[in-house]
Amino acid sequence: MGKFEIKTDKSGQFRFNLKAGNGQVILSSEAYRTKASCNNGIASVSKNCMDDKCFERKTAKNGSPYFNLKSTNGQVIGKSEMYSSTSAMENGIASVKKNAPNASINDIS
């Protein structure tokens, strides 16, 4: 089962990672000034992850595929790692869809 992990970065802002059951990070957030905003970001991931239109599939300059998860207003709420292939990226998207809706929240901030 997946989990969201909330932590503070070096500047004191809050970030979350969505981790799959095996502990691998499958989605990382932007920085949030407050923990409440970070929790709202987590709720947005859970809400929007089931709509395939919210996944923006992209290719980095080096050719590596990756994706952004966007809310319905078009704001990026999470970014993936770089993948070795398009099929690996699609597996990452499937993992977000599988893990995010029922993921627990682990606050280590």
PDB file of N, CA and C in Angstrom:
ATOM      1  N   MET A   1       0.834  -1.180   0.000  1.00  0.00           N
ATOM      2  CA  MET A   1       0.000   0.000   0.000  1.00  0.00           C
ATOM      3  C   MET A   1       0.884   1.251   0.000  1.00  0.00           C
ATOM      4  N   GLY A   2       0.488   2.242  -0.770  1.00  0.00           N
ATOM      5  CA  GLY A   2       1.260   3.462  -0.891  1.00  0.00           C
ATOM      6  C   GLY A   2       1.082   4.388   0.298  1.00  0.00           C
ATOM      7  N   LYS A   3       1.987   5.369   0.369  1.00  0.00           N
ATOM      8  CA  LYS A   3       1.873   6.366   1.430  1.00  0.00           C
ATOM      9  C   LYS A   3       2.438   7.692   0.944  1.00  0.00           C
ATOM     10  N   PHE A   4       1.868   8.755   1.482  1.00  0.00           N
ATOM     11  CA  PHE A   4       2.404  10.090   1.294  1.00  0.00           C
ATOM     12  C   PHE A   4       3.326  10.363   2.470  1.00  0.00           C
ATOM     13  N   GLU A   5       4.492  10.916   2.187  1.00  0.00           N
ATOM     14  CA  GLU A   5       5.435  11.257   3.234  1.00  0.00           C
ATOM     15  C   GLU A   5       5.667  12.761   3.173  1.00  0.00           C
ATOM     16  N   ILE A   6       5.328  13.458   4.266  1.00  0.00           N
ATOM     17  CA  ILE A   6       5.511  14.910   4.359  1.00  0.00           C
ATOM     18  C   ILE A   6       6.825  15.179   5.093  1.00  0.00           C
ATOM     19  N   LYS A   7       7.635  16.071   4.517  1.00  0.00           N
ATOM     20  CA  LYS A   7       8.869  16.466   5.189  1.00  0.00           C
ATOM     21  C   LYS A   7       9.139  17.939   4.935  1.00  0.00           C
ATOM     22  N   THR A   8      10.046  18.506   5.708  1.00  0.00           N
ATOM     23  CA  THR A   8      10.453  19.889   5.493  1.00  0.00           C
ATOM     24  C   THR A   8      11.781  19.892   4.749  1.00  0.00           C
ATOM     25  N   ASP A   9      11.927  20.872   3.848  1.00  0.00           N
ATOM     26  CA  ASP A   9      13.173  20.989   3.105  1.00  0.00           C
ATOM     27  C   ASP A   9      14.127  21.939   3.831  1.00  0.00           C
ATOM     28  N   LYS A  10      15.275  22.203   3.242  1.00  0.00           N
ATOM     29  CA  LYS A  10      16.308  23.038   3.883  1.00  0.00           C
ATOM     30  C   LYS A  10      15.824  24.450   4.179  1.00  0.00           C
ATOM     31  N   SER A  11      14.867  24.939   3.389  1.00  0.00           N
ATOM     32  CA  SER A  11      14.362  26.303   3.601  1.00  0.00           C
ATOM     33  C   SER A  11      13.176  26.344   4.567  1.00  0.00           C
ATOM     34  N   GLY A  12      12.820  25.183   5.140  1.00  0.00           N
ATOM     35  CA  GLY A  12      11.722  25.138   6.101  1.00  0.00           C
ATOM     36  C   GLY A  12      10.349  24.994   5.485  1.00  0.00           C
ATOM     37  N   GLN A  13      10.298  24.784   4.161  1.00  0.00           N
ATOM     38  CA  GLN A  13       9.011  24.594   3.501  1.00  0.00           C
ATOM     39  C   GLN A  13       8.649  23.104   3.491  1.00  0.00           C
ATOM     40  N   PHE A  14       7.372  22.827   3.264  1.00  0.00           N
ATOM     41  CA  PHE A  14       6.865  21.462   3.303  1.00  0.00           C
ATOM     42  C   PHE A  14       6.782  20.884   1.894  1.00  0.00           C
ATOM     43  N   ARG A  15       7.116  19.616   1.783  1.00  0.00           N
ATOM     44  CA  ARG A  15       7.021  18.869   0.519  1.00  0.00           C
ATOM     45  C   ARG A  15       6.481  17.482   0.839  1.00  0.00           C
ATOM     46  N   PHE A  16       5.881  16.853  -0.170  1.00  0.00           N
ATOM     47  CA  PHE A  16       5.482  15.466   0.016  1.00  0.00           C
ATOM     48  C   PHE A  16       5.982  14.617  -1.137  1.00  0.00           C
ATOM     49  N   ASN A  17       6.192  13.360  -0.829  1.00  0.00           N
ATOM     50  CA  ASN A  17       6.466  12.339  -1.829  1.00  0.00           C
ATOM     51  C   ASN A  17       5.386  11.284  -1.704  1.00  0.00           C
ATOM     52  N   LEU A  18       4.922  10.791  -2.839  1.00  0.00           N
ATOM     53  CA  LEU A  18       4.058   9.613  -2.838  1.00  0.00           C
ATOM     54  C   LEU A  18       4.961   8.427  -3.097  1.00  0.00           C
ATOM     55  N   LYS A  19       4.928   7.476  -2.179  1.00  0.00           N
ATOM     56  CA  LYS A  19       5.751   6.280  -2.298  1.00  0.00           C
ATOM     57  C   LYS A  19       4.869   5.059  -2.540  1.00  0.00           C
ATOM     58  N   ALA A  20       5.338   4.197  -3.417  1.00  0.00           N
ATOM     59  CA  ALA A  20       4.644   2.926  -3.673  1.00  0.00           C
ATOM     60  C   ALA A  20       4.875   2.001  -2.480  1.00  0.00           C
ATOM     61  N   GLY A  21       4.179   0.877  -2.483  1.00  0.00           N
ATOM     62  CA  GLY A  21       4.307  -0.090  -1.399  1.00  0.00           C
ATOM     63  C   GLY A  21       5.731  -0.574  -1.184  1.00  0.00           C
ATOM     64  N   ASN A  22       6.561  -0.551  -2.238  1.00  0.00           N
ATOM     65  CA  ASN A  22       7.951  -0.986  -2.118  1.00  0.00           C
ATOM     66  C   ASN A  22       8.883   0.128  -1.644  1.00  0.00           C
ATOM     67  N   GLY A  23       8.320   1.308  -1.350  1.00  0.00           N
ATOM     68  CA  GLY A  23       9.103   2.424  -0.841  1.00  0.00           C
ATOM     69  C   GLY A  23       9.666   3.349  -1.904  1.00  0.00           C
ATOM     70  N   GLN A  24       9.452   3.025  -3.172  1.00  0.00           N
ATOM     71  CA  GLN A  24       9.977   3.854  -4.255  1.00  0.00           C
ATOM     72  C   GLN A  24       9.125   5.112  -4.426  1.00  0.00           C
ATOM     73  N   VAL A  25       9.784   6.261  -4.563  1.00  0.00           N
ATOM     74  CA  VAL A  25       9.082   7.522  -4.790  1.00  0.00           C
ATOM     75  C   VAL A  25       8.526   7.530  -6.212  1.00  0.00           C
ATOM     76  N   ILE A  26       7.224   7.772  -6.337  1.00  0.00           N
ATOM     77  CA  ILE A  26       6.604   7.801  -7.666  1.00  0.00           C
ATOM     78  C   ILE A  26       6.067   9.182  -8.029  1.00  0.00           C
ATOM     79  N   LEU A  27       5.993  10.093  -7.052  1.00  0.00           N
ATOM     80  CA  LEU A  27       5.528  11.450  -7.323  1.00  0.00           C
ATOM     81  C   LEU A  27       6.070  12.371  -6.235  1.00  0.00           C
ATOM     82  N   SER A  28       6.586  13.534  -6.636  1.00  0.00           N
ATOM     83  CA  SER A  28       7.118  14.517  -5.687  1.00  0.00           C
ATOM     84  C   SER A  28       6.419  15.849  -5.891  1.00  0.00           C
ATOM     85  N   SER A  29       6.184  16.545  -4.801  1.00  0.00           N
ATOM     86  CA  SER A  29       5.453  17.817  -4.854  1.00  0.00           C
ATOM     87  C   SER A  29       6.382  19.001  -4.995  1.00  0.00           C
ATOM     88  N   GLU A  30       5.761  20.140  -5.205  1.00  0.00           N
ATOM     89  CA  GLU A  30       6.442  21.425  -5.104  1.00  0.00           C
ATOM     90  C   GLU A  30       6.603  21.749  -3.626  1.00  0.00           C
ATOM     91  N   ALA A  31       7.233  22.882  -3.337  1.00  0.00           N
ATOM     92  CA  ALA A  31       7.367  23.342  -1.949  1.00  0.00           C
ATOM     93  C   ALA A  31       6.128  24.128  -1.544  1.00  0.00           C
ATOM     94  N   TYR A  32       5.685  23.912  -0.322  1.00  0.00           N
ATOM     95  CA  TYR A  32       4.539  24.627   0.249  1.00  0.00           C
ATOM     96  C   TYR A  32       5.003  25.387   1.484  1.00  0.00           C
ATOM     97  N   ARG A  33       4.472  26.581   1.685  1.00  0.00           N
ATOM     98  CA  ARG A  33       4.859  27.382   2.849  1.00  0.00           C
ATOM     99  C   ARG A  33       4.260  26.846   4.144  1.00  0.00           C
ATOM    100  N   THR A  34       3.068  26.243   4.057  1.00  0.00           N
ATOM    101  CA  THR A  34       2.406  25.738   5.270  1.00  0.00           C
ATOM    102  C   THR A  34       2.079  24.259   5.123  1.00  0.00           C
ATOM    103  N   LYS A  35       1.981  23.610   6.264  1.00  0.00           N
ATOM    104  CA  LYS A  35       1.615  22.195   6.257  1.00  0.00           C
ATOM    105  C   LYS A  35       0.190  22.012   5.750  1.00  0.00           C
ATOM    106  N   ALA A  36      -0.688  22.969   6.045  1.00  0.00           N
ATOM    107  CA  ALA A  36      -2.072  22.883   5.559  1.00  0.00           C
ATOM    108  C   ALA A  36      -2.102  22.889   4.033  1.00  0.00           C
ATOM    109  N   SER A  37      -1.283  23.740   3.417  1.00  0.00           N
ATOM    110  CA  SER A  37      -1.221  23.775   1.956  1.00  0.00           C
ATOM    111  C   SER A  37      -0.676  22.464   1.404  1.00  0.00           C
ATOM    112  N   CYS A  38       0.299  21.899   2.089  1.00  0.00           N
ATOM    113  CA  CYS A  38       0.862  20.610   1.681  1.00  0.00           C
ATOM    114  C   CYS A  38      -0.214  19.522   1.746  1.00  0.00           C
ATOM    115  N   ASN A  39      -0.993  19.524   2.817  1.00  0.00           N
ATOM    116  CA  ASN A  39      -2.085  18.549   2.938  1.00  0.00           C
ATOM    117  C   ASN A  39      -3.137  18.754   1.852  1.00  0.00           C
ATOM    118  N   ASN A  40      -3.385  20.011   1.469  1.00  0.00           N
ATOM    119  CA  ASN A  40      -4.302  20.273   0.363  1.00  0.00           C
ATOM    120  C   ASN A  40      -3.750  19.710  -0.944  1.00  0.00           C
ATOM    121  N   GLY A  41      -2.429  19.800  -1.129  1.00  0.00           N
ATOM    122  CA  GLY A  41      -1.794  19.207  -2.306  1.00  0.00           C
ATOM    123  C   GLY A  41      -1.976  17.702  -2.350  1.00  0.00           C
ATOM    124  N   ILE A  42      -1.835  17.051  -1.209  1.00  0.00           N
ATOM    125  CA  ILE A  42      -2.048  15.605  -1.120  1.00  0.00           C
ATOM    126  C   ILE A  42      -3.489  15.264  -1.492  1.00  0.00           C
ATOM    127  N   ALA A  43      -4.440  16.029  -0.959  1.00  0.00           N
ATOM    128  CA  ALA A  43      -5.852  15.802  -1.280  1.00  0.00           C
ATOM    129  C   ALA A  43      -6.097  15.981  -2.777  1.00  0.00           C
ATOM    130  N   SER A  44      -5.421  16.944  -3.385  1.00  0.00           N
ATOM    131  CA  SER A  44      -5.579  17.184  -4.817  1.00  0.00           C
ATOM    132  C   SER A  44      -5.029  16.024  -5.640  1.00  0.00           C
ATOM    133  N   VAL A  45      -3.904  15.452  -5.204  1.00  0.00           N
ATOM    134  CA  VAL A  45      -3.363  14.269  -5.890  1.00  0.00           C
ATOM    135  C   VAL A  45      -4.384  13.139  -5.832  1.00  0.00           C
ATOM    136  N   SER A  46      -4.912  12.872  -4.640  1.00  0.00           N
ATOM    137  CA  SER A  46      -5.883  11.790  -4.472  1.00  0.00           C
ATOM    138  C   SER A  46      -7.123  12.010  -5.328  1.00  0.00           C
ATOM    139  N   LYS A  47      -7.544  13.255  -5.458  1.00  0.00           N
ATOM    140  CA  LYS A  47      -8.745  13.592  -6.232  1.00  0.00           C
ATOM    141  C   LYS A  47      -8.503  13.492  -7.742  1.00  0.00           C
ATOM    142  N   ASN A  48      -7.361  13.982  -8.197  1.00  0.00           N
ATOM    143  CA  ASN A  48      -7.123  14.112  -9.638  1.00  0.00           C
ATOM    144  C   ASN A  48      -6.406  12.928 -10.292  1.00  0.00           C
ATOM    145  N   CYS A  49      -5.855  12.033  -9.503  1.00  0.00           N
ATOM    146  CA  CYS A  49      -5.025  10.967 -10.076  1.00  0.00           C
ATOM    147  C   CYS A  49      -5.808   9.948 -10.898  1.00  0.00           C
ATOM    148  N   MET A  50      -7.100   9.893 -10.740  1.00  0.00           N
ATOM    149  CA  MET A  50      -7.872   8.904 -11.494  1.00  0.00           C
ATOM    150  C   MET A  50      -8.290   9.413 -12.869  1.00  0.00           C
ATOM    151  N   ASP A  51      -8.071  10.699 -13.142  1.00  0.00           N
ATOM    152  CA  ASP A  51      -8.411  11.282 -14.435  1.00  0.00           C
ATOM    153  C   ASP A  51      -7.159  11.319 -15.300  1.00  0.00           C
ATOM    154  N   ASP A  52      -7.108  10.466 -16.319  1.00  0.00           N
ATOM    155  CA  ASP A  52      -5.912  10.365 -17.150  1.00  0.00           C
ATOM    156  C   ASP A  52      -5.556  11.696 -17.812  1.00  0.00           C
ATOM    157  N   LYS A  53      -6.564  12.559 -18.021  1.00  0.00           N
ATOM    158  CA  LYS A  53      -6.300  13.866 -18.636  1.00  0.00           C
ATOM    159  C   LYS A  53      -5.454  14.756 -17.740  1.00  0.00           C
ATOM    160  N   CYS A  54      -5.373  14.437 -16.453  1.00  0.00           N
ATOM    161  CA  CYS A  54      -4.582  15.241 -15.522  1.00  0.00           C
ATOM    162  C   CYS A  54      -3.095  14.886 -15.572  1.00  0.00           C
ATOM    163  N   PHE A  55      -2.749  13.823 -16.281  1.00  0.00           N
ATOM    164  CA  PHE A  55      -1.350  13.438 -16.411  1.00  0.00           C
ATOM    165  C   PHE A  55      -0.784  14.045 -17.694  1.00  0.00           C
ATOM    166  N   GLU A  56       0.234  14.867 -17.528  1.00  0.00           N
ATOM    167  CA  GLU A  56       0.909  15.492 -18.658  1.00  0.00           C
ATOM    168  C   GLU A  56       2.194  14.701 -18.915  1.00  0.00           C
ATOM    169  N   ARG A  57       2.212  13.989 -20.030  1.00  0.00           N
ATOM    170  CA  ARG A  57       3.378  13.186 -20.391  1.00  0.00           C
ATOM    171  C   ARG A  57       4.384  14.071 -21.122  1.00  0.00           C
ATOM    172  N   LYS A  58       5.628  14.037 -20.653  1.00  0.00           N
ATOM    173  CA  LYS A  58       6.643  14.944 -21.187  1.00  0.00           C
ATOM    174  C   LYS A  58       7.932  14.174 -21.489  1.00  0.00           C
ATOM    175  N   THR A  59       8.834  14.846 -22.199  1.00  0.00           N
ATOM    176  CA  THR A  59      10.153  14.292 -22.483  1.00  0.00           C
ATOM    177  C   THR A  59      11.200  15.338 -22.126  1.00  0.00           C
ATOM    178  N   ALA A  60      12.174  14.939 -21.329  1.00  0.00           N
ATOM    179  CA  ALA A  60      13.249  15.847 -20.925  1.00  0.00           C
ATOM    180  C   ALA A  60      14.196  16.080 -22.099  1.00  0.00           C
ATOM    181  N   LYS A  61      15.062  17.081 -21.967  1.00  0.00           N
ATOM    182  CA  LYS A  61      16.022  17.413 -23.023  1.00  0.00           C
ATOM    183  C   LYS A  61      16.915  16.233 -23.375  1.00  0.00           C
ATOM    184  N   ASN A  62      17.185  15.372 -22.398  1.00  0.00           N
ATOM    185  CA  ASN A  62      18.043  14.213 -22.658  1.00  0.00           C
ATOM    186  C   ASN A  62      17.264  13.020 -23.221  1.00  0.00           C
ATOM    187  N   GLY A  63      15.956  13.220 -23.486  1.00  0.00           N
ATOM    188  CA  GLY A  63      15.133  12.168 -24.070  1.00  0.00           C
ATOM    189  C   GLY A  63      14.407  11.286 -23.071  1.00  0.00           C
ATOM    190  N   SER A  64      14.619  11.507 -21.783  1.00  0.00           N
ATOM    191  CA  SER A  64      13.963  10.688 -20.759  1.00  0.00           C
ATOM    192  C   SER A  64      12.507  11.100 -20.591  1.00  0.00           C
ATOM    193  N   PRO A  65      11.597  10.135 -20.642  1.00  0.00           N
ATOM    194  CA  PRO A  65      10.188  10.457 -20.392  1.00  0.00           C
ATOM    195  C   PRO A  65       9.928  10.676 -18.899  1.00  0.00           C
ATOM    196  N   TYR A  66       8.981  11.569 -18.607  1.00  0.00           N
ATOM    197  CA  TYR A  66       8.517  11.803 -17.249  1.00  0.00           C
ATOM    198  C   TYR A  66       7.103  12.366 -17.347  1.00  0.00           C
ATOM    199  N   PHE A  67       6.454  12.545 -16.182  1.00  0.00           N
ATOM    200  CA  PHE A  67       5.104  13.105 -16.205  1.00  0.00           C
ATOM    201  C   PHE A  67       4.900  14.087 -15.074  1.00  0.00           C
ATOM    202  N   ASN A  68       3.947  14.974 -15.291  1.00  0.00           N
ATOM    203  CA  ASN A  68       3.436  15.873 -14.263  1.00  0.00           C
ATOM    204  C   ASN A  68       1.982  15.499 -14.017  1.00  0.00           C
ATOM    205  N   LEU A  69       1.557  15.576 -12.780  1.00  0.00           N
ATOM    206  CA  LEU A  69       0.140  15.441 -12.446  1.00  0.00           C
ATOM    207  C   LEU A  69      -0.372  16.845 -12.194  1.00  0.00           C
ATOM    208  N   LYS A  70      -1.419  17.228 -12.922  1.00  0.00           N
ATOM    209  CA  LYS A  70      -1.991  18.563 -12.800  1.00  0.00           C
ATOM    210  C   LYS A  70      -3.392  18.495 -12.206  1.00  0.00           C
ATOM    211  N   SER A  71      -3.754  19.553 -11.500  1.00  0.00           N
ATOM    212  CA  SER A  71      -5.125  19.668 -11.017  1.00  0.00           C
ATOM    213  C   SER A  71      -6.001  20.118 -12.180  1.00  0.00           C
ATOM    214  N   THR A  72      -7.291  20.141 -11.960  1.00  0.00           N
ATOM    215  CA  THR A  72      -8.206  20.518 -13.036  1.00  0.00           C
ATOM    216  C   THR A  72      -8.024  21.966 -13.475  1.00  0.00           C
ATOM    217  N   ASN A  73      -7.390  22.801 -12.625  1.00  0.00           N
ATOM    218  CA  ASN A  73      -7.129  24.190 -13.029  1.00  0.00           C
ATOM    219  C   ASN A  73      -5.795  24.329 -13.767  1.00  0.00           C
ATOM    220  N   GLY A  74      -5.114  23.212 -14.005  1.00  0.00           N
ATOM    221  CA  GLY A  74      -3.878  23.213 -14.776  1.00  0.00           C
ATOM    222  C   GLY A  74      -2.605  23.380 -13.974  1.00  0.00           C
ATOM    223  N   GLN A  75      -2.724  23.527 -12.651  1.00  0.00           N
ATOM    224  CA  GLN A  75      -1.545  23.693 -11.803  1.00  0.00           C
ATOM    225  C   GLN A  75      -0.875  22.335 -11.564  1.00  0.00           C
ATOM    226  N   VAL A  76       0.455  22.291 -11.684  1.00  0.00           N
ATOM    227  CA  VAL A  76       1.201  21.057 -11.416  1.00  0.00           C
ATOM    228  C   VAL A  76       1.183  20.795  -9.916  1.00  0.00           C
ATOM    229  N   ILE A  77       0.754  19.582  -9.536  1.00  0.00           N
ATOM    230  CA  ILE A  77       0.723  19.223  -8.115  1.00  0.00           C
ATOM    231  C   ILE A  77       1.751  18.152  -7.778  1.00  0.00           C
ATOM    232  N   GLY A  78       2.324  17.534  -8.797  1.00  0.00           N
ATOM    233  CA  GLY A  78       3.362  16.541  -8.561  1.00  0.00           C
ATOM    234  C   GLY A  78       4.113  16.222  -9.829  1.00  0.00           C
ATOM    235  N   LYS A  79       5.391  15.861  -9.655  1.00  0.00           N
ATOM    236  CA  LYS A  79       6.249  15.494 -10.779  1.00  0.00           C
ATOM    237  C   LYS A  79       6.842  14.120 -10.523  1.00  0.00           C
ATOM    238  N   SER A  80       7.064  13.400 -11.598  1.00  0.00           N
ATOM    239  CA  SER A  80       7.667  12.071 -11.481  1.00  0.00           C
ATOM    240  C   SER A  80       9.179  12.162 -11.595  1.00  0.00           C
ATOM    241  N   GLU A  81       9.809  11.030 -11.419  1.00  0.00           N
ATOM    242  CA  GLU A  81      11.225  10.895 -11.713  1.00  0.00           C
ATOM    243  C   GLU A  81      11.390  10.789 -13.232  1.00  0.00           C
ATOM    244  N   MET A  82      12.612  10.745 -13.697  1.00  0.00           N
ATOM    245  CA  MET A  82      12.889  10.493 -15.107  1.00  0.00           C
ATOM    246  C   MET A  82      12.878   8.979 -15.317  1.00  0.00           C
ATOM    247  N   TYR A  83      12.282   8.557 -16.411  1.00  0.00           N
ATOM    248  CA  TYR A  83      12.174   7.134 -16.708  1.00  0.00           C
ATOM    249  C   TYR A  83      13.052   6.758 -17.892  1.00  0.00           C
ATOM    250  N   SER A  84      13.356   5.468 -17.985  1.00  0.00           N
ATOM    251  CA  SER A  84      14.214   4.963 -19.054  1.00  0.00           C
ATOM    252  C   SER A  84      13.448   4.723 -20.348  1.00  0.00           C
ATOM    253  N   SER A  85      12.122   4.627 -20.250  1.00  0.00           N
ATOM    254  CA  SER A  85      11.313   4.362 -21.444  1.00  0.00           C
ATOM    255  C   SER A  85       9.891   4.869 -21.227  1.00  0.00           C
ATOM    256  N   THR A  86       9.164   5.002 -22.320  1.00  0.00           N
ATOM    257  CA  THR A  86       7.764   5.427 -22.238  1.00  0.00           C
ATOM    258  C   THR A  86       6.937   4.401 -21.478  1.00  0.00           C
ATOM    259  N   SER A  87       7.213   3.121 -21.689  1.00  0.00           N
ATOM    260  CA  SER A  87       6.433   2.101 -20.976  1.00  0.00           C
ATOM    261  C   SER A  87       6.703   2.153 -19.475  1.00  0.00           C
ATOM    262  N   ALA A  88       7.945   2.450 -19.083  1.00  0.00           N
ATOM    263  CA  ALA A  88       8.248   2.587 -17.652  1.00  0.00           C
ATOM    264  C   ALA A  88       7.508   3.789 -17.071  1.00  0.00           C
ATOM    265  N   MET A  89       7.418   4.886 -17.838  1.00  0.00           N
ATOM    266  CA  MET A  89       6.669   6.060 -17.391  1.00  0.00           C
ATOM    267  C   MET A  89       5.193   5.718 -17.232  1.00  0.00           C
ATOM    268  N   GLU A  90       4.625   4.985 -18.181  1.00  0.00           N
ATOM    269  CA  GLU A  90       3.213   4.591 -18.084  1.00  0.00           C
ATOM    270  C   GLU A  90       2.989   3.704 -16.864  1.00  0.00           C
ATOM    271  N   ASN A  91       3.960   2.866 -16.533  1.00  0.00           N
ATOM    272  CA  ASN A  91       3.864   2.056 -15.308  1.00  0.00           C
ATOM    273  C   ASN A  91       3.876   2.958 -14.078  1.00  0.00           C
ATOM    274  N   GLY A  92       4.648   4.048 -14.126  1.00  0.00           N
ATOM    275  CA  GLY A  92       4.669   5.009 -13.025  1.00  0.00           C
ATOM    276  C   GLY A  92       3.320   5.683 -12.854  1.00  0.00           C
ATOM    277  N   ILE A  93       2.701   6.070 -13.962  1.00  0.00           N
ATOM    278  CA  ILE A  93       1.367   6.674 -13.908  1.00  0.00           C
ATOM    279  C   ILE A  93       0.361   5.683 -13.319  1.00  0.00           C
ATOM    280  N   ALA A  94       0.427   4.432 -13.763  1.00  0.00           N
ATOM    281  CA  ALA A  94      -0.467   3.397 -13.232  1.00  0.00           C
ATOM    282  C   ALA A  94      -0.250   3.214 -11.729  1.00  0.00           C
ATOM    283  N   SER A  95       0.993   3.328 -11.291  1.00  0.00           N
ATOM    284  CA  SER A  95       1.297   3.184  -9.870  1.00  0.00           C
ATOM    285  C   SER A  95       0.713   4.342  -9.062  1.00  0.00           C
ATOM    286  N   VAL A  96       0.761   5.560  -9.596  1.00  0.00           N
ATOM    287  CA  VAL A  96       0.129   6.705  -8.918  1.00  0.00           C
ATOM    288  C   VAL A  96      -1.370   6.451  -8.798  1.00  0.00           C
ATOM    289  N   LYS A  97      -1.996   6.027  -9.895  1.00  0.00           N
ATOM    290  CA  LYS A  97      -3.441   5.760  -9.879  1.00  0.00           C
ATOM    291  C   LYS A  97      -3.803   4.675  -8.871  1.00  0.00           C
ATOM    292  N   LYS A  98      -2.936   3.700  -8.721  1.00  0.00           N
ATOM    293  CA  LYS A  98      -3.190   2.587  -7.801  1.00  0.00           C
ATOM    294  C   LYS A  98      -2.958   2.988  -6.346  1.00  0.00           C
ATOM    295  N   ASN A  99      -1.875   3.731  -6.102  1.00  0.00           N
ATOM    296  CA  ASN A  99      -1.452   3.988  -4.727  1.00  0.00           C
ATOM    297  C   ASN A  99      -2.033   5.236  -4.079  1.00  0.00           C
ATOM    298  N   ALA A 100      -2.260   6.310  -4.843  1.00  0.00           N
ATOM    299  CA  ALA A 100      -2.646   7.584  -4.242  1.00  0.00           C
ATOM    300  C   ALA A 100      -4.021   7.595  -3.572  1.00  0.00           C
ATOM    301  N   PRO A 101      -5.061   7.008  -4.186  1.00  0.00           N
ATOM    302  CA  PRO A 101      -6.401   7.178  -3.597  1.00  0.00           C
ATOM    303  C   PRO A 101      -6.538   6.710  -2.149  1.00  0.00           C
ATOM    304  N   ASN A 102      -5.842   5.663  -1.752  1.00  0.00           N
ATOM    305  CA  ASN A 102      -5.993   5.123  -0.400  1.00  0.00           C
ATOM    306  C   ASN A 102      -4.711   5.201   0.406  1.00  0.00           C
ATOM    307  N   ALA A 103      -3.775   6.036  -0.041  1.00  0.00           N
ATOM    308  CA  ALA A 103      -2.482   6.118   0.633  1.00  0.00           C
ATOM    309  C   ALA A 103      -2.611   6.765   2.018  1.00  0.00           C
ATOM    310  N   SER A 104      -1.858   6.242   2.948  1.00  0.00           N
ATOM    311  CA  SER A 104      -1.781   6.843   4.276  1.00  0.00           C
ATOM    312  C   SER A 104      -0.844   8.053   4.210  1.00  0.00           C
ATOM    313  N   ILE A 105      -0.863   8.863   5.252  1.00  0.00           N
ATOM    314  CA  ILE A 105       0.019  10.021   5.315  1.00  0.00           C
ATOM    315  C   ILE A 105       0.970   9.843   6.492  1.00  0.00           C
ATOM    316  N   ASN A 106       2.262   9.902   6.189  1.00  0.00           N
ATOM    317  CA  ASN A 106       3.295   9.793   7.203  1.00  0.00           C
ATOM    318  C   ASN A 106       3.996  11.142   7.297  1.00  0.00           C
ATOM    319  N   ASP A 107       3.764  11.846   8.396  1.00  0.00           N
ATOM    320  CA  ASP A 107       4.324  13.191   8.580  1.00  0.00           C
ATOM    321  C   ASP A 107       5.640  13.070   9.338  1.00  0.00           C
ATOM    322  N   ILE A 108       6.757  13.301   8.644  1.00  0.00           N
ATOM    323  CA  ILE A 108       8.066  13.255   9.297  1.00  0.00           C
ATOM    324  C   ILE A 108       8.692  14.651   9.330  1.00  0.00           C
ATOM    325  N   SER A 109       7.848  15.671   9.164  1.00  0.00           N
ATOM    326  CA  SER A 109       8.356  17.045   9.177  1.00  0.00           C
ATOM    327  C   SER A 109       8.706  17.443  10.590  1.00  0.00           C
TER     328      SER A 109
END
